[in-house]
Amino acid sequence: EGFQGDSLYLTDGPALWWSRENDFIHFQMNCSADFGTIQYLHFYTAEKGNYSPEKLNQTHSILETKSETLSVKIPLKDYRYVRAESETSKGHFALTSAAFAKEI
């Protein structure tokens, strides 16, 4: 519960954050030459109605982009929440808090 909130992230270098756009969560990542290019960006989701932490799904992945920037939109319609983890080519990490679906 301590790591819940809009657009919180932990990092030892690269920036990885999210924002809400209608029914999507927009993830953005920026690195610099000091931290390397994006090695991977994994998105983890929990399906609606699924409250078991053991049922976390790695839903989408982007691997070895050779880029220092990335922008991805993930639809929230089927998920209770989505979060992201990343690593750069020089071994630096970043991860986000979970973006929870808004209850209507």
PDB file of N, CA and C in Angstrom:
ATOM      1  N   GLU A   1       0.808  -1.196   0.000  1.00  0.00           N
ATOM      2  CA  GLU A   1       0.000   0.000   0.000  1.00  0.00           C
ATOM      3  C   GLU A   1       0.851   1.259   0.000  1.00  0.00           C
ATOM      4  N   GLY A   2       2.063   1.201   0.511  1.00  0.00           N
ATOM      5  CA  GLY A   2       2.906   2.377   0.572  1.00  0.00           C
ATOM      6  C   GLY A   2       3.382   2.855  -0.774  1.00  0.00           C
ATOM      7  N   PHE A   3       3.335   1.988  -1.780  1.00  0.00           N
ATOM      8  CA  PHE A   3       3.814   2.363  -3.107  1.00  0.00           C
ATOM      9  C   PHE A   3       2.646   2.497  -4.072  1.00  0.00           C
ATOM     10  N   GLN A   4       1.556   3.067  -3.598  1.00  0.00           N
ATOM     11  CA  GLN A   4       0.397   3.341  -4.448  1.00  0.00           C
ATOM     12  C   GLN A   4       0.253   4.847  -4.577  1.00  0.00           C
ATOM     13  N   GLY A   5      -0.074   5.279  -5.736  1.00  0.00           N
ATOM     14  CA  GLY A   5      -0.268   6.702  -5.982  1.00  0.00           C
ATOM     15  C   GLY A   5      -0.030   6.987  -7.440  1.00  0.00           C
ATOM     16  N   ASP A   6      -0.449   8.142  -7.862  1.00  0.00           N
ATOM     17  CA  ASP A   6      -0.299   8.471  -9.268  1.00  0.00           C
ATOM     18  C   ASP A   6       1.145   8.782  -9.615  1.00  0.00           C
ATOM     19  N   SER A   7       1.659   8.015 -10.535  1.00  0.00           N
ATOM     20  CA  SER A   7       2.945   8.225 -11.183  1.00  0.00           C
ATOM     21  C   SER A   7       4.146   8.249 -10.244  1.00  0.00           C
ATOM     22  N   LEU A   8       4.171   7.374  -9.269  1.00  0.00           N
ATOM     23  CA  LEU A   8       5.365   7.202  -8.449  1.00  0.00           C
ATOM     24  C   LEU A   8       6.308   6.243  -9.152  1.00  0.00           C
ATOM     25  N   TYR A   9       7.610   6.501  -9.068  1.00  0.00           N
ATOM     26  CA  TYR A   9       8.547   5.527  -9.608  1.00  0.00           C
ATOM     27  C   TYR A   9       9.838   5.521  -8.811  1.00  0.00           C
ATOM     28  N   LEU A  10      10.523   4.380  -8.851  1.00  0.00           N
ATOM     29  CA  LEU A  10      11.823   4.195  -8.217  1.00  0.00           C
ATOM     30  C   LEU A  10      12.847   3.988  -9.316  1.00  0.00           C
ATOM     31  N   THR A  11      14.041   4.547  -9.144  1.00  0.00           N
ATOM     32  CA  THR A  11      15.045   4.435 -10.194  1.00  0.00           C
ATOM     33  C   THR A  11      16.449   4.605  -9.635  1.00  0.00           C
ATOM     34  N   ASP A  12      17.421   4.051 -10.332  1.00  0.00           N
ATOM     35  CA  ASP A  12      18.817   4.368 -10.058  1.00  0.00           C
ATOM     36  C   ASP A  12      19.417   5.057 -11.287  1.00  0.00           C
ATOM     37  N   GLY A  13      18.569   5.684 -12.081  1.00  0.00           N
ATOM     38  CA  GLY A  13      19.048   6.411 -13.249  1.00  0.00           C
ATOM     39  C   GLY A  13      17.963   6.813 -14.224  1.00  0.00           C
ATOM     40  N   PRO A  14      17.439   5.871 -15.022  1.00  0.00           N
ATOM     41  CA  PRO A  14      16.486   6.252 -16.064  1.00  0.00           C
ATOM     42  C   PRO A  14      15.146   6.709 -15.471  1.00  0.00           C
ATOM     43  N   ALA A  15      14.450   7.541 -16.216  1.00  0.00           N
ATOM     44  CA  ALA A  15      13.124   8.007 -15.800  1.00  0.00           C
ATOM     45  C   ALA A  15      12.062   7.132 -16.449  1.00  0.00           C
ATOM     46  N   LEU A  16      11.132   6.633 -15.650  1.00  0.00           N
ATOM     47  CA  LEU A  16      10.015   5.817 -16.129  1.00  0.00           C
ATOM     48  C   LEU A  16       8.784   6.257 -15.352  1.00  0.00           C
ATOM     49  N   TRP A  17       7.771   6.758 -16.042  1.00  0.00           N
ATOM     50  CA  TRP A  17       6.585   7.258 -15.366  1.00  0.00           C
ATOM     51  C   TRP A  17       5.352   6.994 -16.207  1.00  0.00           C
ATOM     52  N   TRP A  18       4.181   7.215 -15.595  1.00  0.00           N
ATOM     53  CA  TRP A  18       2.925   7.028 -16.311  1.00  0.00           C
ATOM     54  C   TRP A  18       1.980   8.179 -16.035  1.00  0.00           C
ATOM     55  N   SER A  19       1.021   8.324 -16.945  1.00  0.00           N
ATOM     56  CA  SER A  19      -0.057   9.300 -16.786  1.00  0.00           C
ATOM     57  C   SER A  19      -1.341   8.672 -17.323  1.00  0.00           C
ATOM     58  N   ARG A  20      -2.471   9.180 -16.862  1.00  0.00           N
ATOM     59  CA  ARG A  20      -3.771   8.671 -17.316  1.00  0.00           C
ATOM     60  C   ARG A  20      -4.227   9.441 -18.547  1.00  0.00           C
ATOM     61  N   GLU A  21      -4.721   8.703 -19.537  1.00  0.00           N
ATOM     62  CA  GLU A  21      -5.307   9.299 -20.735  1.00  0.00           C
ATOM     63  C   GLU A  21      -6.560   8.506 -21.081  1.00  0.00           C
ATOM     64  N   ASN A  22      -7.713   9.018 -20.648  1.00  0.00           N
ATOM     65  CA  ASN A  22      -8.996   8.336 -20.845  1.00  0.00           C
ATOM     66  C   ASN A  22      -8.926   6.923 -20.278  1.00  0.00           C
ATOM     67  N   ASP A  23      -9.094   5.892 -21.091  1.00  0.00           N
ATOM     68  CA  ASP A  23      -9.077   4.507 -20.624  1.00  0.00           C
ATOM     69  C   ASP A  23      -7.721   3.838 -20.812  1.00  0.00           C
ATOM     70  N   PHE A  24      -6.675   4.640 -20.957  1.00  0.00           N
ATOM     71  CA  PHE A  24      -5.322   4.125 -21.156  1.00  0.00           C
ATOM     72  C   PHE A  24      -4.403   4.649 -20.068  1.00  0.00           C
ATOM     73  N   ILE A  25      -3.333   3.905 -19.832  1.00  0.00           N
ATOM     74  CA  ILE A  25      -2.216   4.403 -19.037  1.00  0.00           C
ATOM     75  C   ILE A  25      -1.066   4.603 -20.012  1.00  0.00           C
ATOM     76  N   HIS A  26      -0.539   5.811 -20.032  1.00  0.00           N
ATOM     77  CA  HIS A  26       0.535   6.175 -20.956  1.00  0.00           C
ATOM     78  C   HIS A  26       1.859   6.111 -20.192  1.00  0.00           C
ATOM     79  N   PHE A  27       2.701   5.137 -20.541  1.00  0.00           N
ATOM     80  CA  PHE A  27       4.017   4.977 -19.935  1.00  0.00           C
ATOM     81  C   PHE A  27       5.054   5.662 -20.813  1.00  0.00           C
ATOM     82  N   GLN A  28       5.980   6.372 -20.164  1.00  0.00           N
ATOM     83  CA  GLN A  28       7.076   7.003 -20.889  1.00  0.00           C
ATOM     84  C   GLN A  28       8.380   6.706 -20.170  1.00  0.00           C
ATOM     85  N   MET A  29       9.434   6.519 -20.957  1.00  0.00           N
ATOM     86  CA  MET A  29      10.751   6.238 -20.394  1.00  0.00           C
ATOM     87  C   MET A  29      11.789   7.076 -21.119  1.00  0.00           C
ATOM     88  N   ASN A  30      12.697   7.671 -20.348  1.00  0.00           N
ATOM     89  CA  ASN A  30      13.812   8.435 -20.900  1.00  0.00           C
ATOM     90  C   ASN A  30      15.098   8.013 -20.218  1.00  0.00           C
ATOM     91  N   CYS A  31      16.133   7.805 -21.014  1.00  0.00           N
ATOM     92  CA  CYS A  31      17.474   7.499 -20.521  1.00  0.00           C
ATOM     93  C   CYS A  31      18.428   8.540 -21.090  1.00  0.00           C
ATOM     94  N   SER A  32      19.646   8.496 -20.629  1.00  0.00           N
ATOM     95  CA  SER A  32      20.705   9.311 -21.219  1.00  0.00           C
ATOM     96  C   SER A  32      21.853   8.377 -21.573  1.00  0.00           C
ATOM     97  N   ALA A  33      22.831   8.888 -22.278  1.00  0.00           N
ATOM     98  CA  ALA A  33      23.989   8.075 -22.647  1.00  0.00           C
ATOM     99  C   ALA A  33      24.677   7.510 -21.403  1.00  0.00           C
ATOM    100  N   ASP A  34      24.609   8.229 -20.287  1.00  0.00           N
ATOM    101  CA  ASP A  34      25.216   7.745 -19.037  1.00  0.00           C
ATOM    102  C   ASP A  34      24.577   6.451 -18.549  1.00  0.00           C
ATOM    103  N   PHE A  35      23.285   6.270 -18.816  1.00  0.00           N
ATOM    104  CA  PHE A  35      22.562   5.098 -18.325  1.00  0.00           C
ATOM    105  C   PHE A  35      22.370   4.017 -19.380  1.00  0.00           C
ATOM    106  N   GLY A  36      22.612   4.324 -20.643  1.00  0.00           N
ATOM    107  CA  GLY A  36      22.489   3.335 -21.713  1.00  0.00           C
ATOM    108  C   GLY A  36      21.137   3.376 -22.399  1.00  0.00           C
ATOM    109  N   THR A  37      20.965   2.484 -23.341  1.00  0.00           N
ATOM    110  CA  THR A  37      19.703   2.383 -24.073  1.00  0.00           C
ATOM    111  C   THR A  37      18.748   1.451 -23.323  1.00  0.00           C
ATOM    112  N   ILE A  38      17.506   1.424 -23.748  1.00  0.00           N
ATOM    113  CA  ILE A  38      16.491   0.608 -23.078  1.00  0.00           C
ATOM    114  C   ILE A  38      16.703  -0.860 -23.436  1.00  0.00           C
ATOM    115  N   GLN A  39      17.060  -1.661 -22.451  1.00  0.00           N
ATOM    116  CA  GLN A  39      17.260  -3.102 -22.642  1.00  0.00           C
ATOM    117  C   GLN A  39      15.912  -3.820 -22.680  1.00  0.00           C
ATOM    118  N   TYR A  40      15.052  -3.512 -21.705  1.00  0.00           N
ATOM    119  CA  TYR A  40      13.694  -4.067 -21.719  1.00  0.00           C
ATOM    120  C   TYR A  40      12.757  -3.156 -20.947  1.00  0.00           C
ATOM    121  N   LEU A  41      11.495  -3.271 -21.279  1.00  0.00           N
ATOM    122  CA  LEU A  41      10.412  -2.633 -20.548  1.00  0.00           C
ATOM    123  C   LEU A  41       9.298  -3.662 -20.464  1.00  0.00           C
ATOM    124  N   HIS A  42       9.016  -4.144 -19.248  1.00  0.00           N
ATOM    125  CA  HIS A  42       7.978  -5.153 -19.018  1.00  0.00           C
ATOM    126  C   HIS A  42       6.778  -4.480 -18.357  1.00  0.00           C
ATOM    127  N   PHE A  43       5.594  -4.899 -18.769  1.00  0.00           N
ATOM    128  CA  PHE A  43       4.353  -4.416 -18.168  1.00  0.00           C
ATOM    129  C   PHE A  43       3.684  -5.582 -17.457  1.00  0.00           C
ATOM    130  N   TYR A  44       3.307  -5.365 -16.200  1.00  0.00           N
ATOM    131  CA  TYR A  44       2.644  -6.383 -15.391  1.00  0.00           C
ATOM    132  C   TYR A  44       1.225  -5.921 -15.108  1.00  0.00           C
ATOM    133  N   THR A  45       0.283  -6.859 -15.200  1.00  0.00           N
ATOM    134  CA  THR A  45      -1.122  -6.520 -14.995  1.00  0.00           C
ATOM    135  C   THR A  45      -1.779  -7.492 -14.023  1.00  0.00           C
ATOM    136  N   ALA A  46      -2.870  -7.049 -13.435  1.00  0.00           N
ATOM    137  CA  ALA A  46      -3.757  -7.921 -12.662  1.00  0.00           C
ATOM    138  C   ALA A  46      -5.140  -7.764 -13.277  1.00  0.00           C
ATOM    139  N   GLU A  47      -5.755  -8.883 -13.596  1.00  0.00           N
ATOM    140  CA  GLU A  47      -7.073  -8.835 -14.227  1.00  0.00           C
ATOM    141  C   GLU A  47      -8.118  -8.361 -13.234  1.00  0.00           C
ATOM    142  N   LYS A  48      -9.168  -7.764 -13.747  1.00  0.00           N
ATOM    143  CA  LYS A  48     -10.254  -7.296 -12.884  1.00  0.00           C
ATOM    144  C   LYS A  48     -10.842  -8.466 -12.120  1.00  0.00           C
ATOM    145  N   GLY A  49     -11.101  -8.260 -10.837  1.00  0.00           N
ATOM    146  CA  GLY A  49     -11.660  -9.300  -9.990  1.00  0.00           C
ATOM    147  C   GLY A  49     -10.617 -10.239  -9.418  1.00  0.00           C
ATOM    148  N   ASN A  50      -9.364 -10.097  -9.818  1.00  0.00           N
ATOM    149  CA  ASN A  50      -8.291 -10.968  -9.348  1.00  0.00           C
ATOM    150  C   ASN A  50      -7.485 -10.214  -8.298  1.00  0.00           C
ATOM    151  N   TYR A  51      -7.599 -10.610  -7.041  1.00  0.00           N
ATOM    152  CA  TYR A  51      -6.922  -9.900  -5.964  1.00  0.00           C
ATOM    153  C   TYR A  51      -5.764 -10.692  -5.371  1.00  0.00           C
ATOM    154  N   SER A  52      -5.328 -11.731  -6.071  1.00  0.00           N
ATOM    155  CA  SER A  52      -4.230 -12.555  -5.577  1.00  0.00           C
ATOM    156  C   SER A  52      -2.901 -12.062  -6.143  1.00  0.00           C
ATOM    157  N   PRO A  53      -1.932 -11.703  -5.290  1.00  0.00           N
ATOM    158  CA  PRO A  53      -0.640 -11.246  -5.806  1.00  0.00           C
ATOM    159  C   PRO A  53       0.103 -12.327  -6.586  1.00  0.00           C
ATOM    160  N   GLU A  54      -0.223 -13.596  -6.367  1.00  0.00           N
ATOM    161  CA  GLU A  54       0.430 -14.680  -7.097  1.00  0.00           C
ATOM    162  C   GLU A  54      -0.042 -14.751  -8.545  1.00  0.00           C
ATOM    163  N   LYS A  55      -1.111 -14.067  -8.885  1.00  0.00           N
ATOM    164  CA  LYS A  55      -1.698 -14.130 -10.227  1.00  0.00           C
ATOM    165  C   LYS A  55      -1.279 -12.947 -11.097  1.00  0.00           C
ATOM    166  N   LEU A  56      -0.178 -12.294 -10.767  1.00  0.00           N
ATOM    167  CA  LEU A  56       0.311 -11.177 -11.560  1.00  0.00           C
ATOM    168  C   LEU A  56       0.789 -11.683 -12.911  1.00  0.00           C
ATOM    169  N   ASN A  57       0.385 -11.014 -13.985  1.00  0.00           N
ATOM    170  CA  ASN A  57       0.724 -11.443 -15.337  1.00  0.00           C
ATOM    171  C   ASN A  57       1.720 -10.490 -15.980  1.00  0.00           C
ATOM    172  N   GLN A  58       2.753 -11.048 -16.611  1.00  0.00           N
ATOM    173  CA  GLN A  58       3.601 -10.217 -17.458  1.00  0.00           C
ATOM    174  C   GLN A  58       2.902 -10.176 -18.811  1.00  0.00           C
ATOM    175  N   THR A  59       2.260  -9.067 -19.115  1.00  0.00           N
ATOM    176  CA  THR A  59       1.342  -8.979 -20.239  1.00  0.00           C
ATOM    177  C   THR A  59       2.007  -8.506 -21.519  1.00  0.00           C
ATOM    178  N   HIS A  60       2.848  -7.508 -21.416  1.00  0.00           N
ATOM    179  CA  HIS A  60       3.496  -6.936 -22.593  1.00  0.00           C
ATOM    180  C   HIS A  60       4.972  -6.737 -22.281  1.00  0.00           C
ATOM    181  N   SER A  61       5.827  -6.886 -23.289  1.00  0.00           N
ATOM    182  CA  SER A  61       7.252  -6.613 -23.125  1.00  0.00           C
ATOM    183  C   SER A  61       7.794  -5.951 -24.376  1.00  0.00           C
ATOM    184  N   ILE A  62       8.722  -5.054 -24.168  1.00  0.00           N
ATOM    185  CA  ILE A  62       9.473  -4.444 -25.260  1.00  0.00           C
ATOM    186  C   ILE A  62      10.932  -4.707 -24.940  1.00  0.00           C
ATOM    187  N   LEU A  63      11.657  -5.305 -25.876  1.00  0.00           N
ATOM    188  CA  LEU A  63      13.027  -5.739 -25.620  1.00  0.00           C
ATOM    189  C   LEU A  63      14.016  -5.076 -26.570  1.00  0.00           C
ATOM    190  N   GLU A  64      15.199  -4.765 -26.053  1.00  0.00           N
ATOM    191  CA  GLU A  64      16.348  -4.288 -26.829  1.00  0.00           C
ATOM    192  C   GLU A  64      15.988  -3.274 -27.901  1.00  0.00           C
ATOM    193  N   THR A  65      15.582  -2.100 -27.470  1.00  0.00           N
ATOM    194  CA  THR A  65      15.141  -1.087 -28.425  1.00  0.00           C
ATOM    195  C   THR A  65      16.289  -0.311 -29.055  1.00  0.00           C
ATOM    196  N   LYS A  66      17.433  -0.259 -28.410  1.00  0.00           N
ATOM    197  CA  LYS A  66      18.564   0.581 -28.825  1.00  0.00           C
ATOM    198  C   LYS A  66      18.175   2.064 -28.814  1.00  0.00           C
ATOM    199  N   SER A  67      17.126   2.387 -28.090  1.00  0.00           N
ATOM    200  CA  SER A  67      16.617   3.754 -27.995  1.00  0.00           C
ATOM    201  C   SER A  67      16.793   4.269 -26.575  1.00  0.00           C
ATOM    202  N   GLU A  68      16.852   5.589 -26.435  1.00  0.00           N
ATOM    203  CA  GLU A  68      16.910   6.204 -25.112  1.00  0.00           C
ATOM    204  C   GLU A  68      15.552   6.737 -24.672  1.00  0.00           C
ATOM    205  N   THR A  69      14.546   6.653 -25.542  1.00  0.00           N
ATOM    206  CA  THR A  69      13.195   7.101 -25.190  1.00  0.00           C
ATOM    207  C   THR A  69      12.169   6.087 -25.679  1.00  0.00           C
ATOM    208  N   LEU A  70      11.053   6.033 -24.976  1.00  0.00           N
ATOM    209  CA  LEU A  70       9.994   5.102 -25.343  1.00  0.00           C
ATOM    210  C   LEU A  70       8.676   5.634 -24.797  1.00  0.00           C
ATOM    211  N   SER A  71       7.611   5.442 -25.553  1.00  0.00           N
ATOM    212  CA  SER A  71       6.275   5.869 -25.160  1.00  0.00           C
ATOM    213  C   SER A  71       5.295   4.770 -25.556  1.00  0.00           C
ATOM    214  N   VAL A  72       4.514   4.267 -24.571  1.00  0.00           N
ATOM    215  CA  VAL A  72       3.593   3.152 -24.809  1.00  0.00           C
ATOM    216  C   VAL A  72       2.283   3.420 -24.071  1.00  0.00           C
ATOM    217  N   LYS A  73       1.160   3.137 -24.737  1.00  0.00           N
ATOM    218  CA  LYS A  73      -0.157   3.243 -24.091  1.00  0.00           C
ATOM    219  C   LYS A  73      -0.727   1.844 -23.900  1.00  0.00           C
ATOM    220  N   ILE A  74      -1.156   1.547 -22.672  1.00  0.00           N
ATOM    221  CA  ILE A  74      -1.751   0.256 -22.323  1.00  0.00           C
ATOM    222  C   ILE A  74      -3.215   0.497 -21.946  1.00  0.00           C
ATOM    223  N   PRO A  75      -4.168  -0.204 -22.590  1.00  0.00           N
ATOM    224  CA  PRO A  75      -5.582  -0.033 -22.224  1.00  0.00           C
ATOM    225  C   PRO A  75      -5.872  -0.670 -20.871  1.00  0.00           C
ATOM    226  N   LEU A  76      -6.690   0.002 -20.071  1.00  0.00           N
ATOM    227  CA  LEU A  76      -7.034  -0.506 -18.736  1.00  0.00           C
ATOM    228  C   LEU A  76      -8.341  -1.279 -18.709  1.00  0.00           C
ATOM    229  N   LYS A  77      -9.044  -1.412 -19.807  1.00  0.00           N
ATOM    230  CA  LYS A  77     -10.405  -1.963 -19.792  1.00  0.00           C
ATOM    231  C   LYS A  77     -10.509  -3.354 -19.180  1.00  0.00           C
ATOM    232  N   ASP A  78      -9.498  -4.197 -19.328  1.00  0.00           N
ATOM    233  CA  ASP A  78      -9.564  -5.560 -18.806  1.00  0.00           C
ATOM    234  C   ASP A  78      -8.757  -5.766 -17.529  1.00  0.00           C
ATOM    235  N   TYR A  79      -8.117  -4.724 -17.043  1.00  0.00           N
ATOM    236  CA  TYR A  79      -7.183  -4.877 -15.928  1.00  0.00           C
ATOM    237  C   TYR A  79      -7.618  -4.089 -14.707  1.00  0.00           C
ATOM    238  N   ARG A  80      -7.296  -4.646 -13.555  1.00  0.00           N
ATOM    239  CA  ARG A  80      -7.483  -3.922 -12.296  1.00  0.00           C
ATOM    240  C   ARG A  80      -6.372  -2.899 -12.139  1.00  0.00           C
ATOM    241  N   TYR A  81      -5.149  -3.279 -12.557  1.00  0.00           N
ATOM    242  CA  TYR A  81      -4.036  -2.331 -12.571  1.00  0.00           C
ATOM    243  C   TYR A  81      -2.963  -2.797 -13.533  1.00  0.00           C
ATOM    244  N   VAL A  82      -2.052  -1.875 -13.836  1.00  0.00           N
ATOM    245  CA  VAL A  82      -0.884  -2.158 -14.666  1.00  0.00           C
ATOM    246  C   VAL A  82       0.300  -1.394 -14.073  1.00  0.00           C
ATOM    247  N   ARG A  83       1.479  -1.988 -14.150  1.00  0.00           N
ATOM    248  CA  ARG A  83       2.703  -1.315 -13.705  1.00  0.00           C
ATOM    249  C   ARG A  83       3.828  -1.726 -14.645  1.00  0.00           C
ATOM    250  N   ALA A  84       4.986  -1.061 -14.548  1.00  0.00           N
ATOM    251  CA  ALA A  84       6.086  -1.339 -15.467  1.00  0.00           C
ATOM    252  C   ALA A  84       7.411  -1.450 -14.725  1.00  0.00           C
ATOM    253  N   GLU A  85       8.315  -2.246 -15.298  1.00  0.00           N
ATOM    254  CA  GLU A  85       9.695  -2.377 -14.825  1.00  0.00           C
ATOM    255  C   GLU A  85      10.607  -2.314 -16.032  1.00  0.00           C
ATOM    256  N   SER A  86      11.790  -1.726 -15.853  1.00  0.00           N
ATOM    257  CA  SER A  86      12.713  -1.594 -16.975  1.00  0.00           C
ATOM    258  C   SER A  86      14.161  -1.744 -16.515  1.00  0.00           C
ATOM    259  N   GLU A  87      15.009  -2.028 -17.490  1.00  0.00           N
ATOM    260  CA  GLU A  87      16.455  -2.057 -17.271  1.00  0.00           C
ATOM    261  C   GLU A  87      17.119  -1.499 -18.519  1.00  0.00           C
ATOM    262  N   THR A  88      18.231  -0.803 -18.326  1.00  0.00           N
ATOM    263  CA  THR A  88      18.976  -0.261 -19.460  1.00  0.00           C
ATOM    264  C   THR A  88      20.140  -1.180 -19.815  1.00  0.00           C
ATOM    265  N   SER A  89      20.767  -0.895 -20.948  1.00  0.00           N
ATOM    266  CA  SER A  89      21.901  -1.697 -21.414  1.00  0.00           C
ATOM    267  C   SER A  89      23.102  -1.602 -20.482  1.00  0.00           C
ATOM    268  N   LYS A  90      23.124  -0.609 -19.602  1.00  0.00           N
ATOM    269  CA  LYS A  90      24.215  -0.468 -18.630  1.00  0.00           C
ATOM    270  C   LYS A  90      23.804  -0.923 -17.234  1.00  0.00           C
ATOM    271  N   GLY A  91      22.672  -1.637 -17.135  1.00  0.00           N
ATOM    272  CA  GLY A  91      22.273  -2.252 -15.871  1.00  0.00           C
ATOM    273  C   GLY A  91      21.548  -1.352 -14.892  1.00  0.00           C
ATOM    274  N   HIS A  92      21.003  -0.240 -15.331  1.00  0.00           N
ATOM    275  CA  HIS A  92      20.233   0.641 -14.451  1.00  0.00           C
ATOM    276  C   HIS A  92      18.750   0.272 -14.532  1.00  0.00           C
ATOM    277  N   PHE A  93      18.068   0.382 -13.395  1.00  0.00           N
ATOM    278  CA  PHE A  93      16.679  -0.062 -13.284  1.00  0.00           C
ATOM    279  C   PHE A  93      15.734   1.100 -12.990  1.00  0.00           C
ATOM    280  N   ALA A  94      14.480   0.895 -13.350  1.00  0.00           N
ATOM    281  CA  ALA A  94      13.398   1.791 -12.935  1.00  0.00           C
ATOM    282  C   ALA A  94      12.125   0.958 -12.871  1.00  0.00           C
ATOM    283  N   LEU A  95      11.239   1.300 -11.938  1.00  0.00           N
ATOM    284  CA  LEU A  95       9.931   0.654 -11.872  1.00  0.00           C
ATOM    285  C   LEU A  95       8.902   1.661 -11.406  1.00  0.00           C
ATOM    286  N   THR A  96       7.660   1.427 -11.811  1.00  0.00           N
ATOM    287  CA  THR A  96       6.587   2.357 -11.458  1.00  0.00           C
ATOM    288  C   THR A  96       5.678   1.760 -10.392  1.00  0.00           C
ATOM    289  N   SER A  97       4.914   2.639  -9.787  1.00  0.00           N
ATOM    290  CA  SER A  97       3.804   2.187  -8.950  1.00  0.00           C
ATOM    291  C   SER A  97       2.721   1.638  -9.865  1.00  0.00           C
ATOM    292  N   ALA A  98       1.773   0.948  -9.290  1.00  0.00           N
ATOM    293  CA  ALA A  98       0.655   0.412 -10.070  1.00  0.00           C
ATOM    294  C   ALA A  98      -0.331   1.527 -10.398  1.00  0.00           C
ATOM    295  N   ALA A  99      -0.781   1.535 -11.642  1.00  0.00           N
ATOM    296  CA  ALA A  99      -1.838   2.451 -12.074  1.00  0.00           C
ATOM    297  C   ALA A  99      -3.144   1.669 -11.989  1.00  0.00           C
ATOM    298  N   PHE A 100      -3.967   1.988 -11.008  1.00  0.00           N
ATOM    299  CA  PHE A 100      -5.217   1.269 -10.789  1.00  0.00           C
ATOM    300  C   PHE A 100      -6.325   1.826 -11.661  1.00  0.00           C
ATOM    301  N   ALA A 101      -7.191   0.938 -12.129  1.00  0.00           N
ATOM    302  CA  ALA A 101      -8.366   1.359 -12.888  1.00  0.00           C
ATOM    303  C   ALA A 101      -9.274   2.150 -11.957  1.00  0.00           C
ATOM    304  N   LYS A 102      -9.848   3.194 -12.463  1.00  0.00           N
ATOM    305  CA  LYS A 102     -10.793   3.999 -11.677  1.00  0.00           C
ATOM    306  C   LYS A 102     -12.124   3.273 -11.630  1.00  0.00           C
ATOM    307  N   GLU A 103     -12.671   3.123 -10.442  1.00  0.00           N
ATOM    308  CA  GLU A 103     -13.979   2.478 -10.290  1.00  0.00           C
ATOM    309  C   GLU A 103     -15.069   3.462 -10.688  1.00  0.00           C
ATOM    310  N   ILE A 104     -16.030   2.975 -11.454  1.00  0.00           N
ATOM    311  CA  ILE A 104     -17.124   3.844 -11.913  1.00  0.00           C
ATOM    312  C   ILE A 104     -18.382   3.514 -11.132  1.00  0.00           C
TER     313      ILE A 104
END
